[in-house]
Amino acid sequence: MLTTRVVILAAGKGTRMKSDIPKPLIPVAGEPMITRLVRSVKESGIDEKPVVVVGSWSEAMFRDVLKDSVDYAVQLEQLGTGHALRSAKEAVGDADRVVVLYGDHPFIRPEVMNRLVEIQSKNSVSVAMLTAKVPNFDEVFATFAKWGRILRDADGNVTAIREAKDATPDELAVTEVNPAIFAFPAEWAWNRLENLKNTNASGEYYLTDLIGAAMEEGVPIVTADADPMDVVGINSPEELARAEAMVQG
């Protein structure tokens, strides 16, 4: 039986939210995003005490809200999602599998998390990821226009994740998007994270680069569908208002 740990990345400052508190601690319908997400993780049965990656500047605030209901890892510098996951290695321990979630994606349901773990379990060397299909990029779905597109070959195999800013017009028309929610074989992920490059405009280490590494190595990439509203993120006051409306309605 493979052991699984869930890592919730929550170290970002979320400056677009115009708030003095970390974005995952901002309430949605009266409850901090991170509280809602941690509860779903526990209800899934995947990990009774997930690891939350926080910044050194925000650790005390998270501990005040979550107490000892989670394990903590501290990302000392803001060097990207790949670096954030690497910061959790010691806290994760010797688990066989690591599932990556985000503190500002509060609506993912327990059954969706289990679906991701289930498809990865069918081939323990595979990398599993959620994808979401939207009908369009209008109104409530407008936020997804900024997400990476999932490109596939004629057989349905994932061939690339194309970031929106790098996509051609034809690729931008693809309505299957990438929430960047993954299940990795842990040892494989730790080894690849050590070799990530930050040769990009932001100078950061991107977790999504592990998908490129998997493709280069011929590691199977398997996907599971998620409802867009399960994986929607909250990155601005406008998106928070939409999320509030979604919870209430």
Foldseek 3Di string as FASTA:
>chain_A
DFAEAEEAEFADQLVQAVDPAGQQQDDFVRGRLQVLQLVQQCVLVRDQAHEYEHEPVHVVVVCVVCPRSHHYFYQDDPFEDLSSVLSCDVVRPPGQKYKYHYSQLRQAHSVNVVVQVVVCVVPVQAKEFEKEFDPACDDVNVVQLQFWAFDADPVRATDDTGGNVRDDPVRSRHRIGGLPIIMHRVVVSNVVSVVFFQPDPVSHGYPCVVVVVCVVVVHGYHYDYDYCSNRDGDRHPVSSVSSSVVVVD
